Amino acid sequence: MDAASLSKLLSPEGWTLLNDLPPYDESQAMALATRLRAEGVDPDLAAAALTQSRLRARARAKLGPFADGMLFTPDGLEQATRLTVAALHARRYLAAGVHKVADLTCGLGADALAFAGVGLDVLATDVDEVTAALATVNLRAFPEAEVRHGDGLALDLVAEGVDGVYADPARRTRGGKRVFDPSAWAPPLDAVWALREQVPAVGIKVGPGIGHQGLPEDAETQWVSLDGDVVEAGIWFGPLAPDGPGRTALVLRTEDGGTAARVVRPGAEGADLNPDVGPVGSYLYEPDGAVVRAGLVAHVAAELGGRLVDRSIAYVTTDTPAGPPPSGTAAPATGYRVLDVMPFNLKRLKSYLRERGVGRLTVKKRGTAVTPEQLRAQLSLTGDAEATLVLTRVAGRQHVLVVEPLPR
């Protein structure tokens, strides 16, 4: 979005038009655009309003009902923190005794919204003028939040009364190309964590693909998953890491209108775990993606009393089922009952599934080059039954496991 489009949207006519549009429906978008033009609405304003309507519809998955009063850009929405996770960020600062947070890279203001929502004072900055303007609009209901256009790294944190720092560095170029080198992020990762010399409570959101090598030894790095998707990693310094440094995983699952959570951390006793490798038992467990990214599969295997099916594969097998997690707690792994195990052979697998009338497959895989789409095409199955297959290595050889999901 450019400044001219934003100006039109923020005019009384533009704001009324945007908020009077019906719920976004892709199939009706062209007809609605035609109708607006026929009614004499400025074409640029109509296009900007319809774009915002579409982005608001997409944003509801991340931001819930707050999205209906906000303005977005496609790139800003892509990087915006989900409100469920942003609320946990805010609680971290609150629990650490922080009173004023400097959000150095506020973007569209999702994290700043969560900070202000728990009563923290917020000084939010962004180097892009239009983005800062959008954040100002999005935070208009929160007097605790001030937005400035400028470089957050240039703030005098002490003079501003800031006792907590948060940043979500841009990890893509303006053309959308992903930037993998943390020193080339905007701002550079090391420039942000250097701020802990001024303000100990520093938190940094990074992509979940960040490697373990080079992570600061004095920080907690936590990978976060929500309903099975690994959405981010966070690097937390000082009082924001009350349980000390190290790698942890936060598993979140929405259920019954709330969110179940589980933090997986190695602890002193789990730091050097070396789980056994053995044959596939009666049950198979797939550790959550955040657990895998954090390198805590061995810890989960020990917790389940299980063994790995292969030294290099993140599947755990047991002979007895794990008990259900306590109420309000998310399970660190998804469980399956093992129905059959066989070496991978396409002809044999095709015959096996056809004999059972299987026409619909759920295919999971780790440690194999076979893709689910390729396998489905090769099997050419018809039938009414369903099956779940796991393609993986067992003791170094490719196998197929026929499984059924256990109740959560």
Protein backbone atom coordinates (compact mmCIF):
# COMPACT_ATOMS: atom_id res chain seq x y z
CA MET A 1 0.00 0.00 0.00
CA ASP A 2 1.27 3.48 -0.83
CA ALA A 3 0.64 6.74 1.01
CA ALA A 4 -1.99 7.89 -1.52
CA SER A 5 -4.09 4.72 -1.08
CA LEU A 6 -3.82 4.97 2.70
CA SER A 7 -4.93 8.61 2.60
CA LYS A 8 -8.01 7.69 0.59
CA LEU A 9 -8.89 4.84 2.94
CA LEU A 10 -8.58 7.08 5.99
CA SER A 11 -10.86 9.75 4.54
CA PRO A 12 -14.41 9.76 5.96
CA GLU A 13 -15.71 8.39 2.65
CA GLY A 14 -13.04 5.68 2.49
CA TRP A 15 -13.39 4.50 6.07
CA THR A 16 -17.17 4.34 5.77
CA LEU A 17 -16.92 2.40 2.50
CA LEU A 18 -14.46 -0.12 3.93
CA ASN A 19 -16.47 -0.81 7.07
CA ASP A 20 -19.77 -1.04 5.17
CA LEU A 21 -18.53 -3.72 2.76
CA PRO A 22 -20.14 -7.15 3.14
CA PRO A 23 -18.02 -10.05 4.44
CA TYR A 24 -15.40 -10.85 1.83
CA ASP A 25 -16.40 -13.50 -0.68
CA GLU A 26 -13.91 -14.27 -3.45
CA SER A 27 -16.66 -15.43 -5.79
CA GLN A 28 -18.46 -12.06 -5.43
CA ALA A 29 -15.43 -9.77 -5.50
CA MET A 30 -15.60 -8.96 -9.21
CA ALA A 31 -19.32 -8.24 -9.11
CA LEU A 32 -18.86 -6.02 -6.07
CA ALA A 33 -16.06 -4.06 -7.76
CA THR A 34 -18.28 -3.55 -10.82
CA ARG A 35 -21.13 -2.35 -8.65
CA LEU A 36 -18.92 0.14 -6.79
CA ARG A 37 -17.67 1.59 -10.08
CA ALA A 38 -21.24 1.89 -11.32
CA GLU A 39 -22.13 3.78 -8.14
CA GLY A 40 -19.39 6.30 -8.90
CA VAL A 41 -16.89 5.24 -6.24
CA ASP A 42 -13.35 6.33 -7.08
CA PRO A 43 -11.71 3.27 -8.76
CA ASP A 44 -8.52 3.56 -6.69
CA LEU A 45 -10.51 3.83 -3.46
CA ALA A 46 -12.70 0.86 -4.43
CA ALA A 47 -9.62 -1.24 -5.20
CA ALA A 48 -7.94 -0.29 -1.91
CA ALA A 49 -11.09 -1.02 0.11
CA LEU A 50 -11.64 -4.41 -1.55
CA THR A 51 -7.98 -5.32 -0.96
CA GLN A 52 -8.34 -4.47 2.72
CA SER A 53 -11.55 -6.48 2.94
CA ARG A 54 -9.73 -9.49 1.50
CA LEU A 55 -6.76 -9.05 3.85
CA ARG A 56 -9.03 -8.65 6.87
CA ALA A 57 -10.71 -11.95 6.01
CA ARG A 58 -7.30 -13.65 5.85
CA ALA A 59 -6.16 -11.96 9.05
CA ARG A 60 -8.99 -13.35 11.16
CA ALA A 61 -7.16 -16.68 11.37
CA LYS A 62 -4.27 -14.88 13.07
CA LEU A 63 -5.91 -12.00 14.90
CA GLY A 64 -9.51 -12.98 15.45
CA PRO A 65 -12.12 -10.21 15.64
CA PHE A 66 -9.41 -7.54 16.04
CA ALA A 67 -8.74 -7.97 12.31
CA ASP A 68 -12.07 -6.37 11.41
CA GLY A 69 -10.87 -2.95 12.56
CA MET A 70 -7.31 -3.10 11.27
CA LEU A 71 -5.44 -2.25 8.08
CA PHE A 72 -2.91 -4.58 6.45
CA THR A 73 -0.35 -5.11 3.75
CA PRO A 74 0.22 -8.63 2.35
CA ASP A 75 3.83 -8.77 3.56
CA GLY A 76 2.94 -7.30 6.95
CA LEU A 77 0.18 -9.83 7.48
CA GLU A 78 2.54 -12.66 6.49
CA GLN A 79 5.00 -11.71 9.26
CA ALA A 80 2.42 -10.65 11.86
CA THR A 81 2.40 -12.75 15.03
CA ARG A 82 -0.71 -14.80 15.73
CA LEU A 83 -2.66 -13.21 18.56
CA THR A 84 -2.57 -16.39 20.66
CA VAL A 85 1.23 -16.37 20.53
CA ALA A 86 1.53 -12.58 20.87
CA ALA A 87 -0.49 -12.79 24.09
CA LEU A 88 2.07 -15.26 25.47
CA HIS A 89 4.86 -12.84 24.53
CA ALA A 90 3.05 -10.12 26.45
CA ARG A 91 2.60 -12.31 29.52
CA ARG A 92 6.33 -13.05 29.48
CA TYR A 93 7.12 -9.35 29.79
CA LEU A 94 4.44 -8.85 32.42
CA ALA A 95 5.75 -11.75 34.51
CA ALA A 96 9.28 -10.34 34.24
CA GLY A 97 8.14 -7.11 35.89
CA VAL A 98 8.52 -5.01 32.74
CA HIS A 99 6.49 -1.78 32.59
CA LYS A 100 7.40 -0.26 29.21
CA VAL A 101 8.27 -2.24 26.08
CA ALA A 102 10.04 -0.83 23.05
CA ASP A 103 8.80 -2.76 19.99
CA LEU A 104 11.64 -1.93 17.62
CA THR A 105 10.07 -3.42 14.49
CA CYS A 106 6.36 -3.10 15.14
CA GLY A 107 5.16 -3.79 11.59
CA LEU A 108 1.37 -3.68 11.61
CA GLY A 109 1.30 -3.75 15.41
CA ALA A 110 0.11 -7.27 16.32
CA ASP A 111 2.61 -7.76 19.16
CA ALA A 112 2.26 -4.13 20.29
CA LEU A 113 -1.49 -4.70 20.47
CA ALA A 114 -0.95 -7.68 22.79
CA PHE A 115 1.52 -5.74 24.95
CA ALA A 116 -0.90 -2.86 25.36
CA GLY A 117 -3.76 -5.29 25.91
CA VAL A 118 -2.18 -6.55 29.16
CA GLY A 119 -1.54 -3.02 30.39
CA LEU A 120 2.09 -2.51 29.36
CA ASP A 121 3.20 0.85 28.02
CA VAL A 122 4.47 0.46 24.46
CA LEU A 123 6.79 2.53 22.31
CA ALA A 124 6.49 1.04 18.81
CA THR A 125 8.69 2.00 15.88
CA ASP A 126 9.03 1.04 12.23
CA VAL A 127 11.46 2.30 9.60
CA ASP A 128 8.79 2.32 6.89
CA GLU A 129 6.57 5.39 7.03
CA VAL A 130 3.41 3.80 5.63
CA THR A 131 3.81 0.75 7.90
CA ALA A 132 4.16 3.03 10.93
CA ALA A 133 1.01 4.85 9.84
CA LEU A 134 -0.88 1.56 9.55
CA ALA A 135 0.30 0.54 13.03
CA THR A 136 -0.94 3.89 14.36
CA VAL A 137 -4.38 3.13 12.95
CA ASN A 138 -4.33 -0.42 14.30
CA LEU A 139 -3.36 0.69 17.81
CA ARG A 140 -5.74 3.66 17.97
CA ALA A 141 -7.83 2.05 20.73
CA PHE A 142 -4.84 1.70 23.06
CA PRO A 143 -3.64 4.93 24.71
CA GLU A 144 -0.80 2.89 26.24
CA ALA A 145 0.80 2.54 22.80
CA GLU A 146 2.76 5.23 20.97
CA VAL A 147 3.92 4.63 17.39
CA ARG A 148 6.83 6.46 15.79
CA HIS A 149 8.29 6.36 12.31
CA GLY A 150 12.02 5.71 12.70
CA ASP A 151 14.83 3.29 13.44
CA GLY A 152 14.19 1.52 16.71
CA LEU A 153 17.90 0.92 17.22
CA ALA A 154 18.38 4.71 17.44
CA LEU A 155 16.13 5.02 20.49
CA ASP A 156 17.67 6.19 23.76
CA LEU A 157 16.13 3.36 25.74
CA VAL A 158 17.13 4.73 29.14
CA ALA A 159 15.83 8.22 28.42
CA GLU A 160 12.56 6.74 27.12
CA GLY A 161 12.07 4.77 30.34
CA VAL A 162 12.12 1.46 28.49
CA ASP A 163 12.77 -1.64 30.60
CA GLY A 164 11.87 -4.28 27.98
CA VAL A 165 12.82 -4.63 24.31
CA TYR A 166 11.12 -6.70 21.60
CA ALA A 167 12.00 -7.08 17.93
CA ASP A 168 10.80 -9.10 14.97
CA PRO A 169 13.49 -8.45 12.32
CA ALA A 170 12.43 -8.48 8.68
CA ARG A 171 13.65 -11.70 7.06
CA ARG A 172 12.61 -10.97 3.48
CA THR A 173 13.71 -8.42 0.91
CA ARG A 174 11.19 -5.95 -0.53
CA GLY A 175 10.86 -8.33 -3.45
CA GLY A 176 9.77 -11.11 -1.10
CA LYS A 177 12.99 -13.15 -1.27
CA ARG A 178 13.81 -14.88 2.00
CA VAL A 179 17.02 -13.76 3.74
CA PHE A 180 18.77 -16.58 5.59
CA ASP A 181 21.79 -14.72 6.97
CA PRO A 182 20.82 -13.20 10.38
CA SER A 183 23.43 -10.48 9.91
CA ALA A 184 21.48 -9.32 6.83
CA TRP A 185 18.10 -9.11 8.58
CA ALA A 186 16.60 -5.69 9.23
CA PRO A 187 17.77 -4.96 11.87
CA PRO A 188 20.64 -7.48 12.11
CA LEU A 189 20.10 -10.12 14.77
CA ASP A 190 23.34 -9.42 16.64
CA ALA A 191 22.54 -5.68 16.78
CA VAL A 192 19.28 -6.45 18.59
CA TRP A 193 20.65 -8.88 21.13
CA ALA A 194 23.50 -6.47 21.88
CA LEU A 195 20.82 -4.24 23.46
CA ARG A 196 20.72 -6.55 26.49
CA GLU A 197 23.76 -4.61 27.74
CA GLN A 198 21.41 -1.63 28.16
CA VAL A 199 18.14 -3.41 28.93
CA PRO A 200 18.44 -7.03 30.16
CA ALA A 201 14.88 -7.98 29.16
CA VAL A 202 15.27 -8.48 25.40
CA GLY A 203 13.09 -10.73 23.27
CA ILE A 204 13.50 -11.46 19.57
CA LYS A 205 11.11 -13.32 17.28
CA VAL A 206 12.93 -15.30 14.59
CA GLY A 207 11.94 -17.82 11.94
CA PRO A 208 11.48 -21.43 13.11
CA GLY A 209 14.16 -22.56 10.66
CA ILE A 210 16.95 -20.88 12.63
CA GLY A 211 19.82 -23.27 13.31
CA HIS A 212 21.20 -24.19 16.70
CA GLN A 213 24.71 -23.15 15.83
CA GLY A 214 25.47 -19.62 16.96
CA LEU A 215 22.51 -19.23 19.30
CA PRO A 216 23.44 -17.14 22.36
CA GLU A 217 24.35 -19.28 25.35
CA ASP A 218 22.75 -16.86 27.81
CA ALA A 219 19.26 -17.00 26.26
CA GLU A 220 16.30 -19.34 26.13
CA THR A 221 15.46 -20.17 22.52
CA GLN A 222 11.93 -21.50 22.29
CA TRP A 223 10.27 -22.99 19.21
CA VAL A 224 6.48 -22.56 19.15
CA SER A 225 3.88 -24.68 17.37
CA LEU A 226 0.17 -23.99 17.12
CA ASP A 227 -2.14 -26.85 16.17
CA GLY A 228 0.75 -28.75 14.63
CA ASP A 229 2.30 -25.87 12.65
CA VAL A 230 5.66 -24.54 13.85
CA VAL A 231 5.03 -20.81 13.64
CA GLU A 232 8.11 -19.16 15.14
CA ALA A 233 11.09 -19.30 17.44
CA GLY A 234 11.79 -16.73 20.14
CA ILE A 235 15.09 -15.78 21.75
CA TRP A 236 14.58 -14.55 25.31
CA PHE A 237 17.20 -12.89 27.50
CA GLY A 238 17.49 -11.99 31.17
CA PRO A 239 14.26 -11.90 33.20
CA LEU A 240 12.29 -13.02 30.13
CA ALA A 241 13.91 -16.46 30.58
CA PRO A 242 13.18 -17.18 34.26
CA ASP A 243 14.00 -20.89 33.95
CA GLY A 244 17.44 -20.19 32.51
CA PRO A 245 19.03 -20.53 29.10
CA GLY A 246 18.71 -23.44 26.70
CA ARG A 247 16.43 -24.78 23.97
CA THR A 248 12.75 -25.39 24.71
CA ALA A 249 9.57 -26.13 22.79
CA LEU A 250 6.11 -24.68 23.39
CA VAL A 251 3.28 -26.84 22.05
CA LEU A 252 -0.09 -25.08 21.72
CA ARG A 253 -3.38 -26.65 20.68
CA THR A 254 -6.77 -24.98 20.48
CA GLU A 255 -9.56 -27.00 22.03
CA ASP A 256 -13.01 -26.28 23.43
CA GLY A 257 -12.63 -22.56 22.82
CA GLY A 258 -9.35 -22.36 24.75
CA THR A 259 -5.70 -23.19 24.26
CA ALA A 260 -3.89 -26.14 25.79
CA ALA A 261 -0.16 -25.62 26.27
CA ARG A 262 2.91 -27.65 27.11
CA VAL A 263 6.51 -26.50 27.49
CA VAL A 264 9.08 -29.20 26.76
CA ARG A 265 12.50 -28.51 28.20
CA PRO A 266 15.43 -30.90 28.63
CA GLY A 267 16.25 -30.23 32.28
CA ALA A 268 19.55 -31.30 33.76
CA GLU A 269 18.63 -34.98 33.73
CA GLY A 270 17.66 -34.95 30.04
CA ALA A 271 20.58 -33.07 28.56
CA ASP A 272 22.52 -36.18 27.49
CA LEU A 273 19.70 -38.60 26.76
CA ASN A 274 20.56 -41.25 24.20
CA PRO A 275 17.39 -43.23 23.48
CA ASP A 276 17.44 -46.83 22.34
CA VAL A 277 16.72 -47.78 18.74
CA GLY A 278 14.56 -50.83 18.25
CA PRO A 279 11.78 -52.57 16.36
CA VAL A 280 8.40 -50.97 15.77
CA GLY A 281 6.07 -51.68 18.67
CA SER A 282 2.31 -51.48 18.98
CA TYR A 283 2.27 -47.69 19.02
CA LEU A 284 3.98 -44.93 17.08
CA TYR A 285 4.42 -41.35 18.27
CA GLU A 286 5.23 -38.37 16.08
CA PRO A 287 6.86 -35.65 18.21
CA ASP A 288 5.49 -32.17 17.62
CA GLY A 289 7.41 -30.08 15.10
CA ALA A 290 8.51 -27.60 17.78
CA VAL A 291 9.99 -30.50 19.76
CA VAL A 292 11.87 -31.68 16.69
CA ARG A 293 13.19 -28.19 15.87
CA ALA A 294 14.36 -27.72 19.44
CA GLY A 295 16.24 -31.03 19.37
CA LEU A 296 14.19 -32.52 22.21
CA VAL A 297 13.00 -35.77 20.59
CA ALA A 298 15.17 -37.79 22.98
CA HIS A 299 13.50 -36.13 25.94
CA VAL A 300 10.02 -36.97 24.62
CA ALA A 301 11.10 -40.55 23.90
CA ALA A 302 12.23 -40.90 27.50
CA GLU A 303 8.98 -39.40 28.75
CA LEU A 304 6.97 -41.88 26.67
CA GLY A 305 9.18 -44.77 27.74
CA GLY A 306 9.85 -45.47 24.09
CA ARG A 307 12.62 -45.99 21.55
CA LEU A 308 13.44 -44.57 18.14
CA VAL A 309 12.63 -46.52 14.99
CA ASP A 310 15.87 -45.19 13.47
CA ARG A 311 18.70 -43.13 14.95
CA SER A 312 18.16 -40.29 12.47
CA ILE A 313 14.33 -40.26 12.35
CA ALA A 314 12.05 -38.41 14.77
CA TYR A 315 9.54 -41.22 15.30
CA VAL A 316 9.15 -42.87 18.70
CA THR A 317 7.65 -46.31 19.18
CA THR A 318 6.30 -47.95 22.33
CA ASP A 319 4.73 -51.24 23.32
CA THR A 320 2.05 -49.64 25.50
CA PRO A 321 0.03 -46.44 24.90
CA ALA A 322 0.87 -43.22 26.66
CA GLY A 323 -1.70 -41.85 29.07
CA PRO A 324 -3.66 -38.73 28.17
CA PRO A 325 -2.09 -35.39 29.09
CA PRO A 326 -3.53 -33.50 32.08
CA SER A 327 -6.44 -31.18 31.36
CA GLY A 328 -5.27 -27.96 29.74
CA THR A 329 -1.97 -29.52 28.72
CA ALA A 330 -1.03 -30.27 25.11
CA ALA A 331 0.55 -33.62 24.25
CA PRO A 332 4.15 -33.31 22.98
CA ALA A 333 3.56 -36.01 20.36
CA THR A 334 0.71 -37.35 18.23
CA GLY A 335 -0.02 -41.03 18.80
CA TYR A 336 -0.98 -43.84 16.43
CA ARG A 337 -1.84 -47.49 16.87
CA VAL A 338 0.32 -49.62 14.57
CA LEU A 339 -1.78 -52.04 12.50
CA ASP A 340 0.89 -53.40 10.17
CA VAL A 341 4.56 -52.96 9.26
CA MET A 342 6.16 -53.95 5.95
CA PRO A 343 9.26 -53.13 3.92
CA PHE A 344 8.47 -50.56 1.24
CA ASN A 345 7.47 -52.31 -1.97
CA LEU A 346 5.07 -50.53 -4.29
CA LYS A 347 3.51 -53.65 -5.81
CA ARG A 348 2.97 -55.30 -2.43
CA LEU A 349 1.56 -52.10 -0.90
CA LYS A 350 -0.86 -51.64 -3.80
CA SER A 351 -2.14 -55.19 -3.42
CA TYR A 352 -2.41 -54.81 0.38
CA LEU A 353 -4.56 -51.66 0.12
CA ARG A 354 -6.76 -52.93 -2.70
CA GLU A 355 -7.55 -56.11 -0.78
CA ARG A 356 -8.88 -53.87 2.00
CA GLY A 357 -10.87 -51.58 -0.29
CA VAL A 358 -8.80 -48.52 0.57
CA GLY A 359 -9.46 -45.57 -1.72
CA ARG A 360 -8.49 -42.62 0.50
CA LEU A 361 -5.05 -42.28 1.99
CA THR A 362 -3.45 -40.02 4.57
CA VAL A 363 0.30 -40.25 4.00
CA LYS A 364 2.90 -39.10 6.50
CA LYS A 365 6.64 -39.32 5.89
CA ARG A 366 10.06 -38.77 7.39
CA GLY A 367 13.38 -39.86 5.95
CA THR A 368 12.14 -40.81 2.48
CA ALA A 369 12.21 -39.11 -0.91
CA VAL A 370 8.77 -40.47 -1.86
CA THR A 371 6.11 -37.74 -1.89
CA PRO A 372 2.48 -38.39 -0.87
CA GLU A 373 1.22 -37.07 -4.22
CA GLN A 374 3.58 -39.34 -6.16
CA LEU A 375 2.60 -42.37 -4.09
CA ARG A 376 -1.16 -41.78 -4.49
CA ALA A 377 -0.74 -41.50 -8.25
CA GLN A 378 1.28 -44.73 -8.42
CA LEU A 379 -1.19 -46.67 -6.30
CA SER A 380 -4.28 -45.61 -8.34
CA LEU A 381 -6.59 -46.75 -5.57
CA THR A 382 -10.38 -46.97 -5.60
CA GLY A 383 -12.63 -47.94 -2.73
CA ASP A 384 -14.55 -46.52 0.20
CA ALA A 385 -12.18 -47.35 3.07
CA GLU A 386 -9.59 -44.96 4.51
CA ALA A 387 -6.07 -45.66 5.74
CA THR A 388 -3.13 -43.78 7.21
CA LEU A 389 0.37 -44.69 6.09
CA VAL A 390 3.70 -43.65 7.56
CA LEU A 391 6.67 -43.84 5.19
CA THR A 392 9.95 -43.89 7.08
CA ARG A 393 13.17 -45.72 7.76
CA VAL A 394 13.25 -48.51 10.30
CA ALA A 395 16.75 -49.57 11.30
CA GLY A 396 18.12 -48.01 8.13
CA ARG A 397 15.63 -49.55 5.66
CA GLN A 398 12.56 -47.99 4.03
CA HIS A 399 9.32 -49.26 5.55
CA VAL A 400 5.59 -48.59 5.43
CA LEU A 401 3.63 -48.48 8.66
CA VAL A 402 -0.14 -48.79 8.50
CA VAL A 403 -1.52 -46.91 11.50
CA GLU A 404 -4.67 -45.39 12.93
CA PRO A 405 -4.68 -42.17 14.98
CA LEU A 406 -5.24 -42.45 18.70
CA PRO A 407 -7.79 -40.13 20.29
CA ARG A 408 -6.16 -36.90 21.45
